[in-house]
C-alpha atoms as a PDB file:
ATOM      1  CA  UNK A   1    -140.599  89.805 -49.420  1.00  0.00           C
ATOM      2  CA  UNK A   2    -138.078  92.385 -48.276  1.00  0.00           C
ATOM      3  CA  UNK A   3    -137.371  95.622 -50.097  1.00  0.00           C
ATOM      4  CA  UNK A   4    -134.255  97.746 -49.950  1.00  0.00           C
ATOM      5  CA  UNK A   5    -136.215 100.521 -48.206  1.00  0.00           C
ATOM      6  CA  UNK A   6    -136.456  98.314 -45.089  1.00  0.00           C
ATOM      7  CA  UNK A   7    -132.668  98.414 -44.603  1.00  0.00           C
ATOM      8  CA  UNK A   8    -130.689 101.072 -42.769  1.00  0.00           C
ATOM      9  CA  UNK A   9    -129.255 103.938 -44.814  1.00  0.00           C
ATOM     10  CA  UNK A  10    -125.683 102.597 -44.730  1.00  0.00           C
ATOM     11  CA  UNK A  11    -126.697  99.142 -45.957  1.00  0.00           C
ATOM     12  CA  UNK A  12    -128.864 100.698 -48.671  1.00  0.00           C
ATOM     13  CA  UNK A  13    -125.954 102.788 -49.937  1.00  0.00           C
ATOM     14  CA  UNK A  14    -123.602  99.793 -49.891  1.00  0.00           C
ATOM     15  CA  UNK A  15    -126.057  97.711 -51.925  1.00  0.00           C
ATOM     16  CA  UNK A  16    -126.579 100.559 -54.381  1.00  0.00           C
ATOM     17  CA  UNK A  17    -122.813 100.890 -54.876  1.00  0.00           C
ATOM     18  CA  UNK A  18    -122.445  97.141 -55.392  1.00  0.00           C
ATOM     19  CA  UNK A  19    -125.271  97.244 -57.906  1.00  0.00           C
ATOM     20  CA  UNK A  20    -122.956  99.305 -60.120  1.00  0.00           C
ATOM     21  CA  UNK A  21    -119.914  97.018 -59.799  1.00  0.00           C
ATOM     22  CA  UNK A  22    -117.948  94.891 -57.293  1.00  0.00           C
ATOM     23  CA  UNK A  23    -115.982  96.945 -54.777  1.00  0.00           C
ATOM     24  CA  UNK A  24    -113.504  96.520 -51.939  1.00  0.00           C
ATOM     25  CA  UNK A  25    -114.036  97.663 -48.364  1.00  0.00           C
ATOM     26  CA  UNK A  26    -111.617 100.521 -48.987  1.00  0.00           C
ATOM     27  CA  UNK A  27    -113.500 101.678 -52.092  1.00  0.00           C
ATOM     28  CA  UNK A  28    -116.846 101.577 -50.302  1.00  0.00           C
ATOM     29  CA  UNK A  29    -115.418 103.427 -47.318  1.00  0.00           C
ATOM     30  CA  UNK A  30    -114.112 106.178 -49.591  1.00  0.00           C
ATOM     31  CA  UNK A  31    -117.334 106.386 -51.620  1.00  0.00           C
ATOM     32  CA  UNK A  32    -119.642 106.532 -48.617  1.00  0.00           C
ATOM     33  CA  UNK A  33    -117.467 108.449 -46.183  1.00  0.00           C
ATOM     34  CA  UNK A  34    -117.806 105.687 -43.590  1.00  0.00           C
ATOM     35  CA  UNK A  35    -115.041 104.037 -41.550  1.00  0.00           C
ATOM     36  CA  UNK A  36    -113.723 100.772 -43.003  1.00  0.00           C
ATOM     37  CA  UNK A  37    -114.571  98.839 -39.835  1.00  0.00           C
ATOM     38  CA  UNK A  38    -118.198  99.985 -40.084  1.00  0.00           C
ATOM     39  CA  UNK A  39    -118.347  99.071 -43.792  1.00  0.00           C
ATOM     40  CA  UNK A  40    -116.854  95.657 -43.056  1.00  0.00           C
ATOM     41  CA  UNK A  41    -119.422  95.067 -40.314  1.00  0.00           C
ATOM     42  CA  UNK A  42    -122.309  95.893 -42.665  1.00  0.00           C
ATOM     43  CA  UNK A  43    -120.845  93.700 -45.409  1.00  0.00           C
ATOM     44  CA  UNK A  44    -120.430  90.761 -43.040  1.00  0.00           C
ATOM     45  CA  UNK A  45    -124.102  91.035 -42.057  1.00  0.00           C
ATOM     46  CA  UNK A  46    -125.245  91.348 -45.677  1.00  0.00           C
ATOM     47  CA  UNK A  47    -123.085  88.412 -46.744  1.00  0.00           C
ATOM     48  CA  UNK A  48    -124.323  86.231 -43.880  1.00  0.00           C
ATOM     49  CA  UNK A  49    -127.895  86.904 -45.052  1.00  0.00           C
ATOM     50  CA  UNK A  50    -127.060  86.084 -48.671  1.00  0.00           C
ATOM     51  CA  UNK A  51    -127.458  89.600 -50.102  1.00  0.00           C
ATOM     52  CA  UNK A  52    -123.828  89.969 -51.172  1.00  0.00           C
ATOM     53  CA  UNK A  53    -120.952  87.653 -52.014  1.00  0.00           C
ATOM     54  CA  UNK A  54    -117.192  88.071 -51.977  1.00  0.00           C
ATOM     55  CA  UNK A  55    -114.065  86.688 -53.591  1.00  0.00           C
ATOM     56  CA  UNK A  56    -110.386  87.542 -53.919  1.00  0.00           C
ATOM     57  CA  UNK A  57    -109.303  88.940 -57.283  1.00  0.00           C
ATOM     58  CA  UNK A  58    -105.863  89.700 -58.622  1.00  0.00           C
ATOM     59  CA  UNK A  59    -104.981  93.345 -59.118  1.00  0.00           C
ATOM     60  CA  UNK A  60    -102.241  94.982 -61.153  1.00  0.00           C
ATOM     61  CA  UNK A  61    -100.217  95.765 -58.053  1.00  0.00           C
ATOM     62  CA  UNK A  62     -99.758  93.781 -54.852  1.00  0.00           C
ATOM     63  CA  UNK A  63    -101.661  90.853 -53.440  1.00  0.00           C
ATOM     64  CA  UNK A  64    -105.200  89.805 -54.470  1.00  0.00           C
ATOM     65  CA  UNK A  65    -107.907  91.961 -52.916  1.00  0.00           C
ATOM     66  CA  UNK A  66    -111.276  90.940 -51.552  1.00  0.00           C
ATOM     67  CA  UNK A  67    -114.095  92.288 -53.698  1.00  0.00           C
ATOM     68  CA  UNK A  68    -117.750  92.293 -52.688  1.00  0.00           C
ATOM     69  CA  UNK A  69    -120.546  91.979 -55.240  1.00  0.00           C
ATOM     70  CA  UNK A  70    -124.314  91.957 -55.034  1.00  0.00           C
ATOM     71  CA  UNK A  71    -125.967  88.507 -55.055  1.00  0.00           C
ATOM     72  CA  UNK A  72    -129.234  87.496 -56.729  1.00  0.00           C
ATOM     73  CA  UNK A  73    -131.028  87.827 -53.397  1.00  0.00           C
ATOM     74  CA  UNK A  74    -129.682  91.364 -53.128  1.00  0.00           C
ATOM     75  CA  UNK A  75    -130.861  92.194 -56.642  1.00  0.00           C
ATOM     76  CA  UNK A  76    -134.366  91.119 -55.663  1.00  0.00           C
ATOM     77  CA  UNK A  77    -134.486  93.919 -53.079  1.00  0.00           C
ATOM     78  CA  UNK A  78    -134.649  96.575 -55.780  1.00  0.00           C
ATOM     79  CA  UNK A  79    -138.088  97.472 -57.192  1.00  0.00           C
ATOM     80  CA  UNK A  80    -138.884  96.210 -60.674  1.00  0.00           C
ATOM     81  CA  UNK A  81    -141.815  97.298 -62.835  1.00  0.00           C
ATOM     82  CA  UNK A  82    -142.688  93.896 -64.257  1.00  0.00           C
ATOM     83  CA  UNK A  83    -146.387  94.712 -63.975  1.00  0.00           C
ATOM     84  CA  UNK A  84    -146.109  97.585 -66.470  1.00  0.00           C
ATOM     85  CA  UNK A  85    -144.432  95.380 -69.081  1.00  0.00           C
ATOM     86  CA  UNK A  86    -146.924  92.571 -68.523  1.00  0.00           C
ATOM     87  CA  UNK A  87    -149.878  94.961 -68.804  1.00  0.00           C
ATOM     88  CA  UNK A  88    -148.597  96.229 -72.156  1.00  0.00           C
ATOM     89  CA  UNK A  89    -148.158  92.650 -73.390  1.00  0.00           C
ATOM     90  CA  UNK A  90    -151.673  91.692 -72.272  1.00  0.00           C
ATOM     91  CA  UNK A  91    -153.137  94.818 -73.885  1.00  0.00           C
ATOM     92  CA  UNK A  92    -151.467  93.964 -77.185  1.00  0.00           C
ATOM     93  CA  UNK A  93    -152.500  90.307 -77.001  1.00  0.00           C
ATOM     94  CA  UNK A  94    -156.094  91.301 -76.247  1.00  0.00           C
ATOM     95  CA  UNK A  95    -156.107  93.687 -79.200  1.00  0.00           C
ATOM     96  CA  UNK A  96    -154.598  91.111 -81.563  1.00  0.00           C
ATOM     97  CA  UNK A  97    -156.168  87.869 -80.312  1.00  0.00           C
ATOM     98  CA  UNK A  98    -159.267  88.883 -78.349  1.00  0.00           C
ATOM     99  CA  UNK A  99    -160.318  88.552 -74.701  1.00  0.00           C
ATOM    100  CA  UNK A 100    -161.277  84.860 -74.919  1.00  0.00           C
ATOM    101  CA  UNK A 101    -157.832  83.913 -76.214  1.00  0.00           C
ATOM    102  CA  UNK A 102    -156.132  85.933 -73.444  1.00  0.00           C
ATOM    103  CA  UNK A 103    -158.307  84.295 -70.772  1.00  0.00           C
ATOM    104  CA  UNK A 104    -157.271  80.846 -71.995  1.00  0.00           C
ATOM    105  CA  UNK A 105    -153.644  82.000 -72.135  1.00  0.00           C
ATOM    106  CA  UNK A 106    -153.772  83.209 -68.509  1.00  0.00           C
ATOM    107  CA  UNK A 107    -155.505  80.008 -67.408  1.00  0.00           C
ATOM    108  CA  UNK A 108    -152.675  77.926 -68.861  1.00  0.00           C
ATOM    109  CA  UNK A 109    -150.112  80.246 -67.235  1.00  0.00           C
ATOM    110  CA  UNK A 110    -151.745  79.766 -63.828  1.00  0.00           C
ATOM    111  CA  UNK A 111    -151.677  75.989 -64.235  1.00  0.00           C
ATOM    112  CA  UNK A 112    -148.093  76.044 -65.454  1.00  0.00           C
ATOM    113  CA  UNK A 113    -146.682  78.077 -62.562  1.00  0.00           C
ATOM    114  CA  UNK A 114    -147.947  75.371 -60.224  1.00  0.00           C
ATOM    115  CA  UNK A 115    -146.717  72.392 -62.245  1.00  0.00           C
ATOM    116  CA  UNK A 116    -143.283  73.820 -63.057  1.00  0.00           C
ATOM    117  CA  UNK A 117    -142.563  74.873 -59.484  1.00  0.00           C
ATOM    118  CA  UNK A 118    -143.740  71.598 -58.002  1.00  0.00           C
ATOM    119  CA  UNK A 119    -145.988  73.374 -55.519  1.00  0.00           C
ATOM    120  CA  UNK A 120    -149.142  71.294 -55.791  1.00  0.00           C
ATOM    121  CA  UNK A 121    -150.445  71.556 -52.253  1.00  0.00           C
ATOM    122  CA  UNK A 122    -152.207  69.238 -49.868  1.00  0.00           C
ATOM    123  CA  UNK A 123    -154.123  71.871 -47.942  1.00  0.00           C
ATOM    124  CA  UNK A 124    -154.842  75.588 -47.646  1.00  0.00           C
ATOM    125  CA  UNK A 125    -151.692  76.151 -45.562  1.00  0.00           C
ATOM    126  CA  UNK A 126    -149.619  75.171 -48.607  1.00  0.00           C
ATOM    127  CA  UNK A 127    -151.396  77.810 -50.692  1.00  0.00           C
ATOM    128  CA  UNK A 128    -150.862  80.456 -48.003  1.00  0.00           C
ATOM    129  CA  UNK A 129    -147.151  79.574 -47.835  1.00  0.00           C
ATOM    130  CA  UNK A 130    -146.940  79.802 -51.617  1.00  0.00           C
ATOM    131  CA  UNK A 131    -148.496  83.280 -51.566  1.00  0.00           C
ATOM    132  CA  UNK A 132    -146.197  84.421 -48.765  1.00  0.00           C
ATOM    133  CA  UNK A 133    -143.134  83.234 -50.664  1.00  0.00           C
ATOM    134  CA  UNK A 134    -144.278  85.633 -53.387  1.00  0.00           C
ATOM    135  CA  UNK A 135    -144.560  88.459 -50.827  1.00  0.00           C
ATOM    136  CA  UNK A 136    -148.363  88.556 -50.498  1.00  0.00           C
ATOM    137  CA  UNK A 137    -148.510  88.670 -46.662  1.00  0.00           C
ATOM    138  CA  UNK A 138    -151.394  86.186 -46.736  1.00  0.00           C
ATOM    139  CA  UNK A 139    -153.503  84.735 -43.930  1.00  0.00           C
ATOM    140  CA  UNK A 140    -156.410  82.281 -43.963  1.00  0.00           C
ATOM    141  CA  UNK A 141    -159.502  81.901 -41.790  1.00  0.00           C
ATOM    142  CA  UNK A 142    -162.481  79.558 -41.893  1.00  0.00           C
ATOM    143  CA  UNK A 143    -165.943  81.108 -42.004  1.00  0.00           C
ATOM    144  CA  UNK A 144    -169.332  79.498 -42.640  1.00  0.00           C
ATOM    145  CA  UNK A 145    -167.661  76.351 -43.930  1.00  0.00           C
ATOM    146  CA  UNK A 146    -165.552  78.249 -46.463  1.00  0.00           C
ATOM    147  CA  UNK A 147    -161.932  79.398 -46.429  1.00  0.00           C
ATOM    148  CA  UNK A 148    -161.160  83.098 -46.788  1.00  0.00           C
ATOM    149  CA  UNK A 149    -157.617  83.998 -47.806  1.00  0.00           C
ATOM    150  CA  UNK A 150    -156.683  87.629 -47.282  1.00  0.00           C
ATOM    151  CA  UNK A 151    -153.577  89.122 -48.869  1.00  0.00           C
ATOM    152  CA  UNK A 152    -152.431  92.446 -47.486  1.00  0.00           C
ATOM    153  CA  UNK A 153    -149.977  93.006 -50.334  1.00  0.00           C
ATOM    154  CA  UNK A 154    -151.272  92.378 -53.852  1.00  0.00           C
ATOM    155  CA  UNK A 155    -148.085  91.695 -55.811  1.00  0.00           C
ATOM    156  CA  UNK A 156    -149.813  92.506 -59.097  1.00  0.00           C
ATOM    157  CA  UNK A 157    -151.886  95.426 -57.837  1.00  0.00           C
ATOM    158  CA  UNK A 158    -151.239  97.750 -60.803  1.00  0.00           C
ATOM    159  CA  UNK A 159    -151.796  94.926 -63.262  1.00  0.00           C
ATOM    160  CA  UNK A 160    -155.083  93.958 -61.610  1.00  0.00           C
ATOM    161  CA  UNK A 161    -156.349  97.539 -61.856  1.00  0.00           C
ATOM    162  CA  UNK A 162    -155.064  98.007 -65.389  1.00  0.00           C
ATOM    163  CA  UNK A 163    -156.826  94.899 -66.708  1.00  0.00           C
ATOM    164  CA  UNK A 164    -160.083  95.334 -64.743  1.00  0.00           C
ATOM    165  CA  UNK A 165    -159.100  92.269 -62.696  1.00  0.00           C
ATOM    166  CA  UNK A 166    -158.963  90.066 -65.817  1.00  0.00           C
ATOM    167  CA  UNK A 167    -155.518  88.886 -64.703  1.00  0.00           C
ATOM    168  CA  UNK A 168    -156.707  87.898 -61.226  1.00  0.00           C
ATOM    169  CA  UNK A 169    -159.987  86.469 -62.415  1.00  0.00           C
ATOM    170  CA  UNK A 170    -158.440  83.959 -64.808  1.00  0.00           C
ATOM    171  CA  UNK A 171    -154.808  83.440 -63.790  1.00  0.00           C
ATOM    172  CA  UNK A 172    -155.666  83.347 -60.078  1.00  0.00           C
ATOM    173  CA  UNK A 173    -158.523  80.859 -60.415  1.00  0.00           C
ATOM    174  CA  UNK A 174    -156.371  78.488 -62.451  1.00  0.00           C
ATOM    175  CA  UNK A 175    -153.460  78.764 -60.013  1.00  0.00           C
ATOM    176  CA  UNK A 176    -155.616  78.090 -56.939  1.00  0.00           C
ATOM    177  CA  UNK A 177    -157.679  75.293 -58.451  1.00  0.00           C
ATOM    178  CA  UNK A 178    -154.622  73.559 -59.909  1.00  0.00           C
ATOM    179  CA  UNK A 179    -152.817  73.692 -56.588  1.00  0.00           C
ATOM    180  CA  UNK A 180    -155.885  72.666 -54.567  1.00  0.00           C
ATOM    181  CA  UNK A 181    -158.097  70.586 -56.899  1.00  0.00           C
ATOM    182  CA  UNK A 182    -160.661  69.911 -54.170  1.00  0.00           C
ATOM    183  CA  UNK A 183    -161.455  73.640 -53.807  1.00  0.00           C
ATOM    184  CA  UNK A 184    -163.158  76.177 -56.028  1.00  0.00           C
ATOM    185  CA  UNK A 185    -162.905  79.972 -55.969  1.00  0.00           C
ATOM    186  CA  UNK A 186    -166.442  81.197 -55.305  1.00  0.00           C
ATOM    187  CA  UNK A 187    -165.927  84.864 -54.440  1.00  0.00           C
ATOM    188  CA  UNK A 188    -163.342  87.624 -54.764  1.00  0.00           C
ATOM    189  CA  UNK A 189    -162.975  90.963 -53.030  1.00  0.00           C
ATOM    190  CA  UNK A 190    -160.525  92.535 -55.433  1.00  0.00           C
ATOM    191  CA  UNK A 191    -158.250  95.546 -55.175  1.00  0.00           C
ATOM    192  CA  UNK A 192    -159.423  99.040 -56.040  1.00  0.00           C
ATOM    193  CA  UNK A 193    -157.675 102.365 -56.496  1.00  0.00           C
ATOM    194  CA  UNK A 194    -157.945 103.023 -52.753  1.00  0.00           C
ATOM    195  CA  UNK A 195    -157.652  99.437 -51.480  1.00  0.00           C
ATOM    196  CA  UNK A 196    -154.450  97.407 -51.829  1.00  0.00           C
ATOM    197  CA  UNK A 197    -155.537  94.225 -50.062  1.00  0.00           C
ATOM    198  CA  UNK A 198    -157.730  91.511 -51.527  1.00  0.00           C
ATOM    199  CA  UNK A 199    -159.625  88.404 -50.458  1.00  0.00           C
ATOM    200  CA  UNK A 200    -160.595  85.177 -52.160  1.00  0.00           C
ATOM    201  CA  UNK A 201    -163.164  82.760 -50.774  1.00  0.00           C
ATOM    202  CA  UNK A 202    -162.667  79.046 -51.377  1.00  0.00           C
ATOM    203  CA  UNK A 203    -165.241  76.299 -51.070  1.00  0.00           C
ATOM    204  CA  UNK A 204    -164.858  72.538 -51.180  1.00  0.00           C
ATOM    205  CA  UNK A 205    -166.131  71.169 -54.473  1.00  0.00           C
ATOM    206  CA  UNK A 206    -169.418  69.248 -54.207  1.00  0.00           C
ATOM    207  CA  UNK A 207    -167.766  65.903 -54.977  1.00  0.00           C
ATOM    208  CA  UNK A 208    -165.163  66.341 -52.238  1.00  0.00           C
ATOM    209  CA  UNK A 209    -167.592  67.803 -49.718  1.00  0.00           C
ATOM    210  CA  UNK A 210    -169.735  64.645 -49.668  1.00  0.00           C
ATOM    211  CA  UNK A 211    -166.817  62.237 -49.209  1.00  0.00           C
END
């Protein structure tokens, strides 16, 4: 999953300006101190990639002008601290309802994210693709008859640390085992303060292994 920091400075500034409100090429050129042709070139590239959109709007004087605005895909480039909010919610739920209730809650959430997104997979490659669509930078290898999935980017790193891996241990198991019913999570190498990658080891369930 891309972040705004991966873009060039000019494109970053254009997206930041459009985050505030729709603007014309002329307005962006004036704001950024960049030639209009250069601004137009950046906007064309951003629009072609789906990060911005454009439409003609009537103005008080003269003909309609072309305004550019940030698209949903462009909004997704900006960092969002969802993990902090979710950690606070889980802390409060644990305090009010207890750990067992929260574990069951997370289990249902893991099952639901699979069913509602229609991502029930046929094999491990489907799970890896699902993780990568979330930005996990995942790969899978086979070792000693098991499957090891390594994710270089834990998308809920702070949340995993803040809940002593309760989130991963319950939500993750339910997600994986709902998506791939013939596998079970048998081992985890979770994130730590100094380690941002993680691994999960999957094994075929006994019933499926003997088929």
